[in-house]
Protein backbone atom coordinates (compact mmCIF):
# COMPACT_ATOMS: atom_id res chain seq x y z
CA UNK A 1 0.00 0.00 0.00
CA UNK A 2 1.36 3.40 -0.99
CA UNK A 3 1.01 6.19 1.54
CA UNK A 4 -0.16 9.65 0.50
CA UNK A 5 2.52 12.24 -0.18
CA UNK A 6 1.54 14.28 2.88
CA UNK A 7 1.87 11.21 5.11
CA UNK A 8 5.29 10.37 3.63
CA UNK A 9 6.50 13.97 4.03
CA UNK A 10 5.24 14.02 7.62
CA UNK A 11 7.11 10.76 8.28
CA UNK A 12 10.31 12.31 6.87
CA UNK A 13 9.82 15.39 9.04
CA UNK A 14 9.27 13.39 12.24
CA UNK A 15 12.00 10.88 11.38
CA UNK A 16 14.51 13.65 10.74
CA UNK A 17 13.42 15.34 13.97
CA UNK A 18 14.02 12.11 15.92
CA UNK A 19 17.38 11.59 14.22
CA UNK A 20 18.45 15.14 15.06
CA UNK A 21 17.37 14.65 18.68
CA UNK A 22 19.25 11.33 18.83
CA UNK A 23 22.46 12.79 17.39
CA UNK A 24 22.45 15.84 19.65
CA UNK A 25 21.28 13.88 22.69
CA UNK A 26 23.82 11.11 22.23
CA UNK A 27 26.60 13.66 21.91
CA UNK A 28 25.57 15.30 25.16
CA UNK A 29 25.13 11.91 26.84
CA UNK A 30 28.53 10.68 25.65
CA UNK A 31 30.26 13.83 26.85
CA UNK A 32 28.63 13.75 30.29
CA UNK A 33 29.09 10.03 30.93
CA UNK A 34 32.63 9.67 29.61
CA UNK A 35 34.43 11.48 32.42
CA UNK A 36 36.58 13.37 29.93
CA UNK A 37 37.64 10.25 28.00
CA UNK A 38 37.14 11.18 24.34
CA UNK A 39 37.24 7.56 23.12
CA UNK A 40 34.44 6.56 25.49
CA UNK A 41 32.42 9.65 24.50
CA UNK A 42 32.74 8.77 20.80
CA UNK A 43 31.87 5.13 21.42
CA UNK A 44 28.78 6.05 23.44
CA UNK A 45 27.74 8.61 20.83
CA UNK A 46 28.21 6.12 17.98
CA UNK A 47 26.30 3.30 19.67
CA UNK A 48 23.40 5.51 20.72
CA UNK A 49 23.13 7.22 17.32
CA UNK A 50 23.37 3.92 15.42
CA UNK A 51 20.73 2.30 17.59
CA UNK A 52 18.41 5.28 17.20
CA UNK A 53 18.94 5.30 13.43
CA UNK A 54 18.00 1.61 13.16
CA UNK A 55 14.85 2.23 15.22
CA UNK A 56 13.90 5.26 13.10
CA UNK A 57 14.46 3.37 9.83
CA UNK A 58 12.37 0.43 11.06
CA UNK A 59 9.58 2.75 12.22
CA UNK A 60 9.40 5.15 9.28
CA UNK A 61 10.89 3.08 6.44
CA UNK A 62 7.61 1.43 5.48
CA UNK A 63 5.92 4.84 5.25
CA UNK A 64 8.46 7.11 3.55
CA UNK A 65 11.58 5.07 2.87
CA UNK A 66 13.39 6.84 5.74
CA UNK A 67 15.63 8.97 3.57
CA UNK A 68 16.16 11.42 6.49
CA UNK A 69 18.77 13.29 4.47
CA UNK A 70 18.45 15.55 1.41
CA UNK A 71 21.45 13.86 -0.23
CA UNK A 72 19.76 10.46 0.02
CA UNK A 73 16.55 11.93 -1.39
CA UNK A 74 18.44 13.49 -4.32
CA UNK A 75 20.09 10.17 -5.11
CA UNK A 76 16.69 8.49 -4.87
CA UNK A 77 15.25 11.01 -7.33
CA UNK A 78 18.27 10.62 -9.61
CA UNK A 79 17.88 6.82 -9.70
CA UNK A 80 14.10 6.95 -10.04
CA UNK A 81 13.23 5.56 -6.60
CA UNK A 82 11.27 8.76 -5.91
CA UNK A 83 9.91 11.26 -8.41
CA UNK A 84 11.49 14.70 -8.61
CA UNK A 85 8.05 16.16 -7.88
CA UNK A 86 8.00 14.28 -4.54
CA UNK A 87 11.67 14.92 -3.78
CA UNK A 88 11.17 18.64 -3.19
CA UNK A 89 8.65 18.24 -0.33
CA UNK A 90 10.88 15.52 1.19
CA UNK A 91 13.88 17.86 1.12
CA UNK A 92 11.81 20.69 2.60
CA UNK A 93 10.72 18.43 5.47
CA UNK A 94 14.28 17.20 6.04
CA UNK A 95 15.85 20.65 6.14
CA UNK A 96 13.11 22.45 8.07
CA UNK A 97 13.89 20.41 11.21
CA UNK A 98 17.55 21.25 11.69
CA UNK A 99 17.25 24.88 10.65
CA UNK A 100 14.27 25.70 12.87
CA UNK A 101 15.25 23.55 15.83
CA UNK A 102 19.01 24.00 16.05
CA UNK A 103 19.27 27.73 15.34
CA UNK A 104 17.78 28.89 18.68
CA UNK A 105 20.15 26.62 20.61
CA UNK A 106 23.19 27.82 18.67
CA UNK A 107 22.18 31.46 19.13
CA UNK A 108 21.66 30.83 22.86
CA UNK A 109 25.14 29.28 23.15
CA UNK A 110 26.69 32.23 21.32
CA UNK A 111 24.95 34.64 23.71
CA UNK A 112 26.23 32.63 26.69
CA UNK A 113 29.79 32.73 25.33
CA UNK A 114 29.55 36.49 24.75
CA UNK A 115 28.24 37.06 28.29
CA UNK A 116 30.96 34.83 29.69
CA UNK A 117 33.62 36.83 27.84
CA UNK A 118 32.14 40.08 29.15
CA UNK A 119 32.14 38.75 32.72
CA UNK A 120 35.76 37.67 32.34
CA UNK A 121 36.73 41.15 31.12
CA UNK A 122 34.86 42.76 34.05
CA UNK A 123 36.72 40.52 36.49
CA UNK A 124 39.99 41.62 34.90
CA UNK A 125 39.00 45.24 35.42
CA UNK A 126 38.29 45.97 31.78
CA UNK A 127 35.22 47.62 30.36
CA UNK A 128 33.61 45.03 28.03
CA UNK A 129 32.48 47.78 25.66
CA UNK A 130 36.01 49.13 25.11
CA UNK A 131 38.01 45.96 25.76
CA UNK A 132 37.51 44.86 22.17
CA UNK A 133 39.18 48.04 20.88
CA UNK A 134 42.20 47.45 23.13
CA UNK A 135 42.76 43.95 21.75
CA UNK A 136 42.70 44.88 18.06
CA UNK A 137 45.84 44.41 16.07
CA UNK A 138 47.36 47.88 15.67
CA UNK A 139 49.77 46.86 12.90
CA UNK A 140 49.19 48.30 9.48
CA UNK A 141 49.97 46.65 6.18
CA UNK A 142 52.87 49.07 5.59
CA UNK A 143 54.83 48.00 8.70
CA UNK A 144 54.25 44.24 8.44
CA UNK A 145 57.55 42.60 7.57
CA UNK A 146 59.54 45.75 8.34
CA UNK A 147 58.50 47.66 5.24
CA UNK A 148 57.32 51.26 5.22
CA UNK A 149 57.76 54.12 7.64
CA UNK A 150 57.40 53.53 11.38
């Protein structure tokens, strides 16, 4: 039985969402449980991600084929497994997840890093607003390598 296009696209969206959550979550889990051992963190991340991927493929494969990746969908369209007309909604569903879900977390992390840098500068007795000007490279192109007037 062939599922409707909307059902297949929804399955790709949810499957990609679950895969994104598994990859990010397993990375966090591996880092926290490894005690600083990078090899253990990578092993835990790999096992958790692989297991999640198998579960996602088994759950959504019968509905949409579990492409979960625009590159896989493009290859499927190229080889005729999926029509080009259906490939575009698949790709939209696969890319909407990471863009909409990851961006706020990345922006939040950048804000935290900026605030942390400002706090560090305050602790060092610097004004965060002017500290950036004090750290700029004052060299000009004419005096790099000893050329030009001092």
